[in-house]
Amino acid sequence: MVRQGAFLRGLIAATFTPLHDDGTINTAAIPEMVDHLVKQNIAGMYVLGSTGEGVSLTHEERCTIAEAFVEAAVGQLPVIIQCGCESLSQARLLATHAQNIGADAISAVSPVYFKPDSVETLVDSMAEIAAGAPDLPFYYYHIPSVTGVNLNMVEFLKLGSDRIPNLRGIKFTSLNVFEYQSCLEFAGDRFEILWGLDEMLLSGLAAGARAAVGSTYNFAAPIYHQLIQAFSQGNLNLAREQQSKSQELVRTFLPYGPRAAQKAIMSMVAVECGPTRLPVKMLSESQIQDLRNDLTKIGFFDWIASTRSEG
């Protein structure tokens, strides 16, 4: 029986997939990555999502990466495996694999070439995937800026509650805070709506978020821990100050390409993650140095050092 009530709380890192210089996967780096996240008080991991370049990996590579994260995290952090891809049948196989290896939950993004044309079609599509792992909580990955699928998420929860027995919630990566709050109010204790925009975490908290999934939590968790603490204590000035740091960080690395730049930052501060895989263009050595200089100018390395003990 899929668990109800509280499951995920706090910061959940959308993990990177470490690669060797030749582009092959590097599972040897994963235990070190997990140890780093544990030390940063991360509450869970979201594996093979956008940050993890999941859709750019082969089926076999995705299985290998999922196994490595589950093995490294056992007894330490819950692991959510993102299984979505263009083929629903393959996504269902990935879901079954996630359940068989001991993952804690699964998630799936919508197909993006043949897009679901209605909430009903989206629910049917996600039901096909979720059925591959009936014993695991399932979270739909809502990221309309990438998928172009911008259907009503409250309606998805209403219809999905009947058609997807293991539906546990939504990874909500959208600017629509109004819809997010509506989802939370509909969800009650049955569903969890995970906030998905790092640079707007304060908005998510104000709307009622209790768990958030993000890529910058890998290397900038101290900033967000202080933001959450300040918000919980009613210190909105400090919370806004920390959110401003997060936004300045994002503004700094975006021009370099968000996926490649964040992977480079992770390599700078914690664990060597290697290059990105095409079609995500990797950064040159000169670009990495420029990025490091830009991060130094805004004070990023001081921010994560000065707030680490306070997180």
C-alpha atoms as a PDB file:
ATOM      1  CA  MET A   1       0.000   0.000   0.000  1.00  0.00           C
ATOM      2  CA  VAL A   2       1.448   3.369  -1.021  1.00  0.00           C
ATOM      3  CA  ARG A   3       2.095   5.500   2.034  1.00  0.00           C
ATOM      4  CA  GLN A   4      -0.099   8.479   2.902  1.00  0.00           C
ATOM      5  CA  GLY A   5       0.662  11.538   4.998  1.00  0.00           C
ATOM      6  CA  ALA A   6       4.059  13.208   5.228  1.00  0.00           C
ATOM      7  CA  PHE A   7       6.761  11.653   3.090  1.00  0.00           C
ATOM      8  CA  LEU A   8       9.034  14.397   1.760  1.00  0.00           C
ATOM      9  CA  ARG A   9      10.015  17.527   3.649  1.00  0.00           C
ATOM     10  CA  GLY A  10      12.770  20.105   3.118  1.00  0.00           C
ATOM     11  CA  LEU A  11      15.217  20.380   0.227  1.00  0.00           C
ATOM     12  CA  ILE A  12      15.403  17.600  -2.348  1.00  0.00           C
ATOM     13  CA  ALA A  13      18.372  17.764  -4.693  1.00  0.00           C
ATOM     14  CA  ALA A  14      17.777  17.177  -8.384  1.00  0.00           C
ATOM     15  CA  THR A  15      21.001  15.265  -8.889  1.00  0.00           C
ATOM     16  CA  PHE A  16      23.558  15.467 -11.677  1.00  0.00           C
ATOM     17  CA  THR A  17      24.617  12.445 -13.691  1.00  0.00           C
ATOM     18  CA  PRO A  18      28.427  12.308 -13.484  1.00  0.00           C
ATOM     19  CA  LEU A  19      30.189  11.560 -16.782  1.00  0.00           C
ATOM     20  CA  HIS A  20      33.745  10.751 -17.753  1.00  0.00           C
ATOM     21  CA  ASP A  21      35.521  13.079 -20.164  1.00  0.00           C
ATOM     22  CA  ASP A  22      34.638  10.716 -23.018  1.00  0.00           C
ATOM     23  CA  GLY A  23      30.940  11.054 -22.230  1.00  0.00           C
ATOM     24  CA  THR A  24      30.395   7.662 -20.607  1.00  0.00           C
ATOM     25  CA  ILE A  25      28.646   7.496 -17.242  1.00  0.00           C
ATOM     26  CA  ASN A  26      30.789   7.638 -14.112  1.00  0.00           C
ATOM     27  CA  THR A  27      29.042   5.723 -11.342  1.00  0.00           C
ATOM     28  CA  ALA A  28      32.160   5.835  -9.153  1.00  0.00           C
ATOM     29  CA  ALA A  29      31.447   9.513  -8.361  1.00  0.00           C
ATOM     30  CA  ILE A  30      27.943   8.852  -7.048  1.00  0.00           C
ATOM     31  CA  PRO A  31      28.763   7.718  -3.470  1.00  0.00           C
ATOM     32  CA  GLU A  32      30.805  10.894  -2.960  1.00  0.00           C
ATOM     33  CA  MET A  33      27.911  12.954  -4.321  1.00  0.00           C
ATOM     34  CA  VAL A  34      25.474  11.295  -1.918  1.00  0.00           C
ATOM     35  CA  ASP A  35      27.843  11.840   1.029  1.00  0.00           C
ATOM     36  CA  HIS A  36      28.075  15.527   0.107  1.00  0.00           C
ATOM     37  CA  LEU A  37      24.291  15.889   0.009  1.00  0.00           C
ATOM     38  CA  VAL A  38      23.912  14.158   3.363  1.00  0.00           C
ATOM     39  CA  LYS A  39      26.429  16.573   4.888  1.00  0.00           C
ATOM     40  CA  GLN A  40      24.455  19.478   3.392  1.00  0.00           C
ATOM     41  CA  ASN A  41      21.291  18.310   5.206  1.00  0.00           C
ATOM     42  CA  ILE A  42      19.496  17.507   1.961  1.00  0.00           C
ATOM     43  CA  ALA A  43      16.257  15.602   2.562  1.00  0.00           C
ATOM     44  CA  GLY A  44      16.138  13.487  -0.594  1.00  0.00           C
ATOM     45  CA  MET A  45      17.283  13.054  -4.180  1.00  0.00           C
ATOM     46  CA  TYR A  46      15.448  13.377  -7.491  1.00  0.00           C
ATOM     47  CA  VAL A  47      17.458  11.303  -9.958  1.00  0.00           C
ATOM     48  CA  LEU A  48      17.510  11.432 -13.787  1.00  0.00           C
ATOM     49  CA  GLY A  49      15.377  14.530 -14.152  1.00  0.00           C
ATOM     50  CA  SER A  50      16.273  17.612 -16.192  1.00  0.00           C
ATOM     51  CA  THR A  51      19.378  18.268 -14.092  1.00  0.00           C
ATOM     52  CA  GLY A  52      20.429  14.641 -14.431  1.00  0.00           C
ATOM     53  CA  GLU A  53      20.077  14.701 -18.237  1.00  0.00           C
ATOM     54  CA  GLY A  54      17.890  11.624 -17.944  1.00  0.00           C
ATOM     55  CA  VAL A  55      16.259  11.921 -21.344  1.00  0.00           C
ATOM     56  CA  SER A  56      19.707  12.047 -22.997  1.00  0.00           C
ATOM     57  CA  LEU A  57      20.759   8.675 -21.577  1.00  0.00           C
ATOM     58  CA  THR A  58      20.075   5.230 -22.950  1.00  0.00           C
ATOM     59  CA  HIS A  59      17.678   2.877 -21.190  1.00  0.00           C
ATOM     60  CA  GLU A  60      20.607   0.822 -19.890  1.00  0.00           C
ATOM     61  CA  GLU A  61      22.465   3.908 -18.670  1.00  0.00           C
ATOM     62  CA  ARG A  62      19.388   5.131 -16.820  1.00  0.00           C
ATOM     63  CA  CYS A  63      19.044   1.787 -15.084  1.00  0.00           C
ATOM     64  CA  THR A  64      22.716   1.797 -14.099  1.00  0.00           C
ATOM     65  CA  ILE A  65      22.561   5.347 -12.715  1.00  0.00           C
ATOM     66  CA  ALA A  66      19.367   4.590 -10.790  1.00  0.00           C
ATOM     67  CA  GLU A  67      20.955   1.502  -9.245  1.00  0.00           C
ATOM     68  CA  ALA A  68      24.066   3.428  -8.239  1.00  0.00           C
ATOM     69  CA  PHE A  69      22.116   6.184  -6.485  1.00  0.00           C
ATOM     70  CA  VAL A  70      19.826   3.765  -4.664  1.00  0.00           C
ATOM     71  CA  GLU A  71      22.784   1.680  -3.501  1.00  0.00           C
ATOM     72  CA  ALA A  72      24.747   4.732  -2.326  1.00  0.00           C
ATOM     73  CA  ALA A  73      21.769   6.311  -0.569  1.00  0.00           C
ATOM     74  CA  VAL A  74      20.351   3.293   1.253  1.00  0.00           C
ATOM     75  CA  GLY A  75      19.596   4.163   4.858  1.00  0.00           C
ATOM     76  CA  GLN A  76      20.518   7.813   4.301  1.00  0.00           C
ATOM     77  CA  LEU A  77      18.248   9.568   1.801  1.00  0.00           C
ATOM     78  CA  PRO A  78      15.049   8.705  -0.066  1.00  0.00           C
ATOM     79  CA  VAL A  79      15.512   8.402  -3.829  1.00  0.00           C
ATOM     80  CA  ILE A  80      12.941   9.418  -6.442  1.00  0.00           C
ATOM     81  CA  ILE A  81      13.663   8.062  -9.928  1.00  0.00           C
ATOM     82  CA  GLN A  82      12.405  10.082 -12.904  1.00  0.00           C
ATOM     83  CA  CYS A  83      11.225   7.556 -15.498  1.00  0.00           C
ATOM     84  CA  GLY A  84       9.545   9.696 -18.143  1.00  0.00           C
ATOM     85  CA  CYS A  85      10.530   9.561 -21.820  1.00  0.00           C
ATOM     86  CA  GLU A  86       8.879   9.633 -25.238  1.00  0.00           C
ATOM     87  CA  SER A  87       7.921   5.952 -25.084  1.00  0.00           C
ATOM     88  CA  LEU A  88       5.357   5.188 -22.397  1.00  0.00           C
ATOM     89  CA  SER A  89       6.217   1.497 -22.617  1.00  0.00           C
ATOM     90  CA  GLN A  90       9.877   2.203 -21.935  1.00  0.00           C
ATOM     91  CA  ALA A  91       8.967   4.585 -19.129  1.00  0.00           C
ATOM     92  CA  ARG A  92       6.871   1.844 -17.560  1.00  0.00           C
ATOM     93  CA  LEU A  93       9.844  -0.534 -17.744  1.00  0.00           C
ATOM     94  CA  LEU A  94      12.012   2.080 -16.022  1.00  0.00           C
ATOM     95  CA  ALA A  95       9.375   2.408 -13.306  1.00  0.00           C
ATOM     96  CA  THR A  96       9.366  -1.351 -12.765  1.00  0.00           C
ATOM     97  CA  HIS A  97      13.148  -1.330 -12.585  1.00  0.00           C
ATOM     98  CA  ALA A  98      13.041   1.471  -9.991  1.00  0.00           C
ATOM     99  CA  GLN A  99      10.683  -0.559  -7.825  1.00  0.00           C
ATOM    100  CA  ASN A 100      12.789  -3.707  -8.181  1.00  0.00           C
ATOM    101  CA  ILE A 101      16.018  -1.986  -7.069  1.00  0.00           C
ATOM    102  CA  GLY A 102      14.455  -0.432  -3.972  1.00  0.00           C
ATOM    103  CA  ALA A 103      13.811   3.188  -4.980  1.00  0.00           C
ATOM    104  CA  ASP A 104      11.524   5.123  -2.646  1.00  0.00           C
ATOM    105  CA  ALA A 105       9.360   6.767  -5.312  1.00  0.00           C
ATOM    106  CA  ILE A 106       9.056   7.372  -9.035  1.00  0.00           C
ATOM    107  CA  SER A 107       8.234  10.381 -11.144  1.00  0.00           C
ATOM    108  CA  ALA A 108       7.644  11.057 -14.827  1.00  0.00           C
ATOM    109  CA  VAL A 109       7.633  13.973 -17.198  1.00  0.00           C
ATOM    110  CA  SER A 110       5.167  14.033 -20.085  1.00  0.00           C
ATOM    111  CA  PRO A 111       6.161  13.009 -23.602  1.00  0.00           C
ATOM    112  CA  VAL A 112       6.928  16.206 -25.513  1.00  0.00           C
ATOM    113  CA  TYR A 113       6.845  15.293 -29.214  1.00  0.00           C
ATOM    114  CA  PHE A 114       3.323  13.869 -29.217  1.00  0.00           C
ATOM    115  CA  LYS A 115       1.913  16.000 -26.410  1.00  0.00           C
ATOM    116  CA  PRO A 116      -1.159  14.945 -24.417  1.00  0.00           C
ATOM    117  CA  ASP A 117      -4.050  17.045 -25.737  1.00  0.00           C
ATOM    118  CA  SER A 118      -6.133  17.030 -22.556  1.00  0.00           C
ATOM    119  CA  VAL A 119      -5.967  16.336 -18.833  1.00  0.00           C
ATOM    120  CA  GLU A 120      -7.636  13.002 -19.506  1.00  0.00           C
ATOM    121  CA  THR A 121      -4.919  11.969 -21.960  1.00  0.00           C
ATOM    122  CA  LEU A 122      -2.189  13.130 -19.591  1.00  0.00           C
ATOM    123  CA  VAL A 123      -3.694  11.124 -16.734  1.00  0.00           C
ATOM    124  CA  ASP A 124      -4.002   8.034 -18.937  1.00  0.00           C
ATOM    125  CA  SER A 125      -0.372   8.444 -19.993  1.00  0.00           C
ATOM    126  CA  MET A 126       0.903   8.801 -16.437  1.00  0.00           C
ATOM    127  CA  ALA A 127      -1.285   5.892 -15.314  1.00  0.00           C
ATOM    128  CA  GLU A 128       0.490   3.697 -17.853  1.00  0.00           C
ATOM    129  CA  ILE A 129       3.877   4.600 -16.336  1.00  0.00           C
ATOM    130  CA  ALA A 130       2.811   4.479 -12.692  1.00  0.00           C
ATOM    131  CA  ALA A 131       1.340   0.998 -13.146  1.00  0.00           C
ATOM    132  CA  GLY A 132       4.874  -0.285 -13.681  1.00  0.00           C
ATOM    133  CA  ALA A 133       5.640   0.363 -10.006  1.00  0.00           C
ATOM    134  CA  PRO A 134       2.332  -0.009  -8.143  1.00  0.00           C
ATOM    135  CA  ASP A 135       4.003  -0.163  -4.727  1.00  0.00           C
ATOM    136  CA  LEU A 136       5.831   3.161  -5.101  1.00  0.00           C
ATOM    137  CA  PRO A 137       4.515   6.719  -4.717  1.00  0.00           C
ATOM    138  CA  PHE A 138       4.221   8.414  -8.116  1.00  0.00           C
ATOM    139  CA  TYR A 139       4.812  12.132  -8.758  1.00  0.00           C
ATOM    140  CA  TYR A 140       3.923  13.775 -12.059  1.00  0.00           C
ATOM    141  CA  TYR A 141       6.700  16.151 -13.198  1.00  0.00           C
ATOM    142  CA  HIS A 142       4.979  19.372 -14.295  1.00  0.00           C
ATOM    143  CA  ILE A 143       7.426  21.614 -16.175  1.00  0.00           C
ATOM    144  CA  PRO A 144       5.435  23.388 -18.891  1.00  0.00           C
ATOM    145  CA  SER A 145       8.253  25.762 -19.895  1.00  0.00           C
ATOM    146  CA  VAL A 146      10.152  22.726 -21.196  1.00  0.00           C
ATOM    147  CA  THR A 147       7.428  20.296 -22.244  1.00  0.00           C
ATOM    148  CA  GLY A 148       4.853  22.748 -23.594  1.00  0.00           C
ATOM    149  CA  VAL A 149       2.246  20.731 -21.672  1.00  0.00           C
ATOM    150  CA  ASN A 150       0.444  23.322 -19.556  1.00  0.00           C
ATOM    151  CA  LEU A 151      -2.731  21.588 -18.480  1.00  0.00           C
ATOM    152  CA  ASN A 152      -4.679  22.307 -15.297  1.00  0.00           C
ATOM    153  CA  MET A 153      -2.952  20.579 -12.396  1.00  0.00           C
ATOM    154  CA  VAL A 154      -5.902  20.701 -10.025  1.00  0.00           C
ATOM    155  CA  GLU A 155      -7.915  18.829 -12.635  1.00  0.00           C
ATOM    156  CA  PHE A 156      -5.011  16.410 -13.019  1.00  0.00           C
ATOM    157  CA  LEU A 157      -5.159  15.643  -9.287  1.00  0.00           C
ATOM    158  CA  LYS A 158      -8.927  15.249  -9.350  1.00  0.00           C
ATOM    159  CA  LEU A 159      -8.935  12.842 -12.276  1.00  0.00           C
ATOM    160  CA  GLY A 160      -5.672  11.178 -11.329  1.00  0.00           C
ATOM    161  CA  SER A 161      -6.917  10.369  -7.835  1.00  0.00           C
ATOM    162  CA  ASP A 162      -9.343   7.897  -9.431  1.00  0.00           C
ATOM    163  CA  ARG A 163      -7.185   6.533 -12.242  1.00  0.00           C
ATOM    164  CA  ILE A 164      -3.690   6.372 -10.695  1.00  0.00           C
ATOM    165  CA  PRO A 165      -3.867   4.387  -7.427  1.00  0.00           C
ATOM    166  CA  ASN A 166      -0.298   5.243  -6.419  1.00  0.00           C
ATOM    167  CA  LEU A 167      -0.470   8.938  -7.335  1.00  0.00           C
ATOM    168  CA  ARG A 168       1.311  10.798  -4.540  1.00  0.00           C
ATOM    169  CA  GLY A 169       1.574  14.286  -5.985  1.00  0.00           C
ATOM    170  CA  ILE A 170       3.264  16.647  -8.402  1.00  0.00           C
ATOM    171  CA  LYS A 171       6.741  18.043  -8.862  1.00  0.00           C
ATOM    172  CA  PHE A 172       5.507  21.532  -9.706  1.00  0.00           C
ATOM    173  CA  THR A 173       8.038  23.518 -11.744  1.00  0.00           C
ATOM    174  CA  SER A 174       6.007  26.481 -12.938  1.00  0.00           C
ATOM    175  CA  LEU A 175       5.755  30.203 -12.264  1.00  0.00           C
ATOM    176  CA  ASN A 176       2.022  29.834 -11.610  1.00  0.00           C
ATOM    177  CA  VAL A 177       1.970  30.261  -7.822  1.00  0.00           C
ATOM    178  CA  PHE A 178      -1.828  30.687  -7.913  1.00  0.00           C
ATOM    179  CA  GLU A 179      -2.240  27.213  -9.421  1.00  0.00           C
ATOM    180  CA  TYR A 180       0.352  25.784  -7.042  1.00  0.00           C
ATOM    181  CA  GLN A 181      -1.557  27.033  -4.006  1.00  0.00           C
ATOM    182  CA  SER A 182      -4.787  25.699  -5.487  1.00  0.00           C
ATOM    183  CA  CYS A 183      -3.143  22.287  -5.836  1.00  0.00           C
ATOM    184  CA  LEU A 184      -1.996  22.392  -2.215  1.00  0.00           C
ATOM    185  CA  GLU A 185      -5.466  23.282  -1.010  1.00  0.00           C
ATOM    186  CA  PHE A 186      -7.011  20.463  -3.025  1.00  0.00           C
ATOM    187  CA  ALA A 187      -4.306  17.999  -2.003  1.00  0.00           C
ATOM    188  CA  GLY A 188      -4.809  18.103   1.754  1.00  0.00           C
ATOM    189  CA  ASP A 189      -2.975  15.161   3.341  1.00  0.00           C
ATOM    190  CA  ARG A 190      -3.472  12.853   0.388  1.00  0.00           C
ATOM    191  CA  PHE A 191      -1.045  14.469  -2.077  1.00  0.00           C
ATOM    192  CA  GLU A 192       2.285  16.244  -1.849  1.00  0.00           C
ATOM    193  CA  ILE A 193       2.976  19.151  -4.200  1.00  0.00           C
ATOM    194  CA  LEU A 194       6.736  19.623  -4.440  1.00  0.00           C
ATOM    195  CA  TRP A 195       7.884  23.144  -5.284  1.00  0.00           C
ATOM    196  CA  GLY A 196      10.288  23.206  -8.238  1.00  0.00           C
ATOM    197  CA  LEU A 197      11.741  26.709  -8.703  1.00  0.00           C
ATOM    198  CA  ASP A 198      14.852  27.417  -6.614  1.00  0.00           C
ATOM    199  CA  GLU A 199      14.917  31.130  -7.422  1.00  0.00           C
ATOM    200  CA  MET A 200      11.305  31.434  -6.181  1.00  0.00           C
ATOM    201  CA  LEU A 201      11.465  29.202  -3.110  1.00  0.00           C
ATOM    202  CA  LEU A 202      10.221  32.001  -0.873  1.00  0.00           C
ATOM    203  CA  SER A 203       7.103  32.317  -3.041  1.00  0.00           C
ATOM    204  CA  GLY A 204       6.558  28.585  -2.748  1.00  0.00           C
ATOM    205  CA  LEU A 205       6.933  28.692   1.029  1.00  0.00           C
ATOM    206  CA  ALA A 206       4.473  31.562   1.268  1.00  0.00           C
ATOM    207  CA  ALA A 207       1.983  29.516  -0.753  1.00  0.00           C
ATOM    208  CA  GLY A 208       2.416  26.586   1.633  1.00  0.00           C
ATOM    209  CA  ALA A 209       5.245  24.432   0.277  1.00  0.00           C
ATOM    210  CA  ARG A 210       6.827  21.959   2.679  1.00  0.00           C
ATOM    211  CA  ALA A 211       9.224  20.287   0.237  1.00  0.00           C
ATOM    212  CA  ALA A 212      11.127  21.594  -2.773  1.00  0.00           C
ATOM    213  CA  VAL A 213      13.116  19.952  -5.562  1.00  0.00           C
ATOM    214  CA  GLY A 214      15.939  21.904  -7.161  1.00  0.00           C
ATOM    215  CA  SER A 215      19.288  21.759  -8.900  1.00  0.00           C
ATOM    216  CA  THR A 216      21.071  24.556  -7.014  1.00  0.00           C
ATOM    217  CA  TYR A 217      20.420  22.744  -3.734  1.00  0.00           C
ATOM    218  CA  ASN A 218      23.331  20.486  -4.756  1.00  0.00           C
ATOM    219  CA  PHE A 219      25.901  23.238  -4.296  1.00  0.00           C
ATOM    220  CA  ALA A 220      24.122  26.130  -2.555  1.00  0.00           C
ATOM    221  CA  ALA A 221      22.040  24.381   0.109  1.00  0.00           C
ATOM    222  CA  PRO A 222      23.280  26.614   2.969  1.00  0.00           C
ATOM    223  CA  ILE A 223      21.612  29.648   1.369  1.00  0.00           C
ATOM    224  CA  TYR A 224      18.267  27.874   1.173  1.00  0.00           C
ATOM    225  CA  HIS A 225      18.461  26.360   4.647  1.00  0.00           C
ATOM    226  CA  GLN A 226      18.885  29.859   6.050  1.00  0.00           C
ATOM    227  CA  LEU A 227      16.024  31.102   3.869  1.00  0.00           C
ATOM    228  CA  ILE A 228      13.715  28.386   5.198  1.00  0.00           C
ATOM    229  CA  GLN A 229      14.793  28.992   8.785  1.00  0.00           C
ATOM    230  CA  ALA A 230      14.248  32.733   8.459  1.00  0.00           C
ATOM    231  CA  PHE A 231      10.798  32.211   6.939  1.00  0.00           C
ATOM    232  CA  SER A 232       9.779  29.787   9.675  1.00  0.00           C
ATOM    233  CA  GLN A 233      10.839  32.339  12.291  1.00  0.00           C
ATOM    234  CA  GLY A 234       8.925  35.138  10.583  1.00  0.00           C
ATOM    235  CA  ASN A 235      12.087  37.012   9.602  1.00  0.00           C
ATOM    236  CA  LEU A 236      10.998  37.968   6.094  1.00  0.00           C
ATOM    237  CA  ASN A 237      13.804  40.479   5.600  1.00  0.00           C
ATOM    238  CA  LEU A 238      16.428  37.774   6.067  1.00  0.00           C
ATOM    239  CA  ALA A 239      14.413  35.336   3.974  1.00  0.00           C
ATOM    240  CA  ARG A 240      14.244  37.858   1.122  1.00  0.00           C
ATOM    241  CA  GLU A 241      17.975  38.514   1.492  1.00  0.00           C
ATOM    242  CA  GLN A 242      18.762  34.822   1.039  1.00  0.00           C
ATOM    243  CA  GLN A 243      16.350  34.536  -1.894  1.00  0.00           C
ATOM    244  CA  SER A 244      18.088  37.511  -3.510  1.00  0.00           C
ATOM    245  CA  LYS A 245      21.391  35.657  -3.227  1.00  0.00           C
ATOM    246  CA  SER A 246      19.798  32.659  -4.925  1.00  0.00           C
ATOM    247  CA  GLN A 247      18.468  34.856  -7.711  1.00  0.00           C
ATOM    248  CA  GLU A 248      21.844  36.541  -8.194  1.00  0.00           C
ATOM    249  CA  LEU A 249      23.434  33.114  -8.418  1.00  0.00           C
ATOM    250  CA  VAL A 250      20.967  32.040 -11.108  1.00  0.00           C
ATOM    251  CA  ARG A 251      21.389  35.286 -13.051  1.00  0.00           C
ATOM    252  CA  THR A 252      25.140  34.730 -13.007  1.00  0.00           C
ATOM    253  CA  PHE A 253      25.224  31.197 -14.399  1.00  0.00           C
ATOM    254  CA  LEU A 254      22.268  31.337 -16.821  1.00  0.00           C
ATOM    255  CA  PRO A 255      24.227  33.050 -19.640  1.00  0.00           C
ATOM    256  CA  TYR A 256      26.597  30.081 -19.685  1.00  0.00           C
ATOM    257  CA  GLY A 257      23.754  27.609 -20.172  1.00  0.00           C
ATOM    258  CA  PRO A 258      21.926  26.414 -17.049  1.00  0.00           C
ATOM    259  CA  ARG A 259      22.640  22.679 -17.269  1.00  0.00           C
ATOM    260  CA  ALA A 260      26.342  22.862 -18.156  1.00  0.00           C
ATOM    261  CA  ALA A 261      27.020  25.774 -15.805  1.00  0.00           C
ATOM    262  CA  GLN A 262      25.475  24.098 -12.777  1.00  0.00           C
ATOM    263  CA  LYS A 263      27.371  20.901 -13.439  1.00  0.00           C
ATOM    264  CA  ALA A 264      30.557  22.965 -13.555  1.00  0.00           C
ATOM    265  CA  ILE A 265      29.681  24.690 -10.266  1.00  0.00           C
ATOM    266  CA  MET A 266      29.097  21.329  -8.597  1.00  0.00           C
ATOM    267  CA  SER A 267      32.557  20.293  -9.748  1.00  0.00           C
ATOM    268  CA  MET A 268      34.010  23.506  -8.302  1.00  0.00           C
ATOM    269  CA  VAL A 269      32.545  23.172  -4.813  1.00  0.00           C
ATOM    270  CA  ALA A 270      31.911  19.513  -4.136  1.00  0.00           C
ATOM    271  CA  VAL A 271      32.143  16.576  -6.559  1.00  0.00           C
ATOM    272  CA  GLU A 272      33.654  16.348 -10.030  1.00  0.00           C
ATOM    273  CA  CYS A 273      30.704  15.669 -12.341  1.00  0.00           C
ATOM    274  CA  GLY A 274      32.438  15.816 -15.710  1.00  0.00           C
ATOM    275  CA  PRO A 275      30.973  17.213 -18.916  1.00  0.00           C
ATOM    276  CA  THR A 276      27.415  17.390 -20.184  1.00  0.00           C
ATOM    277  CA  ARG A 277      26.063  15.264 -23.010  1.00  0.00           C
ATOM    278  CA  LEU A 278      24.916  16.679 -26.319  1.00  0.00           C
ATOM    279  CA  PRO A 279      22.618  18.356 -27.150  1.00  0.00           C
ATOM    280  CA  VAL A 280      23.612  20.195 -23.955  1.00  0.00           C
ATOM    281  CA  LYS A 281      26.869  21.860 -24.951  1.00  0.00           C
ATOM    282  CA  MET A 282      29.690  21.502 -22.438  1.00  0.00           C
ATOM    283  CA  LEU A 283      31.637  24.526 -21.238  1.00  0.00           C
ATOM    284  CA  SER A 284      35.184  25.173 -22.395  1.00  0.00           C
ATOM    285  CA  GLU A 285      37.968  25.550 -19.846  1.00  0.00           C
ATOM    286  CA  SER A 286      37.990  29.312 -20.430  1.00  0.00           C
ATOM    287  CA  GLN A 287      34.233  29.505 -19.862  1.00  0.00           C
ATOM    288  CA  ILE A 288      34.567  27.544 -16.636  1.00  0.00           C
ATOM    289  CA  GLN A 289      37.222  29.977 -15.437  1.00  0.00           C
ATOM    290  CA  ASP A 290      35.059  32.950 -16.434  1.00  0.00           C
ATOM    291  CA  LEU A 291      32.142  31.421 -14.550  1.00  0.00           C
ATOM    292  CA  ARG A 292      34.318  30.921 -11.484  1.00  0.00           C
ATOM    293  CA  ASN A 293      35.429  34.567 -11.673  1.00  0.00           C
ATOM    294  CA  ASP A 294      31.826  35.765 -12.009  1.00  0.00           C
ATOM    295  CA  LEU A 295      30.761  33.674  -9.022  1.00  0.00           C
ATOM    296  CA  THR A 296      33.631  35.091  -6.990  1.00  0.00           C
ATOM    297  CA  LYS A 297      32.600  38.641  -7.888  1.00  0.00           C
ATOM    298  CA  ILE A 298      29.069  38.207  -6.565  1.00  0.00           C
ATOM    299  CA  GLY A 299      30.370  36.568  -3.371  1.00  0.00           C
ATOM    300  CA  PHE A 300      28.937  33.102  -4.008  1.00  0.00           C
ATOM    301  CA  PHE A 301      31.801  31.153  -2.446  1.00  0.00           C
ATOM    302  CA  ASP A 302      31.637  33.374   0.642  1.00  0.00           C
ATOM    303  CA  TRP A 303      27.868  32.900   0.854  1.00  0.00           C
ATOM    304  CA  ILE A 304      28.021  29.131   1.023  1.00  0.00           C
ATOM    305  CA  ALA A 305      30.956  29.223   3.454  1.00  0.00           C
ATOM    306  CA  SER A 306      29.444  31.794   5.820  1.00  0.00           C
ATOM    307  CA  THR A 307      25.998  30.175   5.973  1.00  0.00           C
ATOM    308  CA  ARG A 308      27.077  26.529   6.073  1.00  0.00           C
ATOM    309  CA  SER A 309      27.247  26.344   9.853  1.00  0.00           C
ATOM    310  CA  GLU A 310      23.939  28.182  10.170  1.00  0.00           C
ATOM    311  CA  GLY A 311      22.024  25.859   7.842  1.00  0.00           C
END
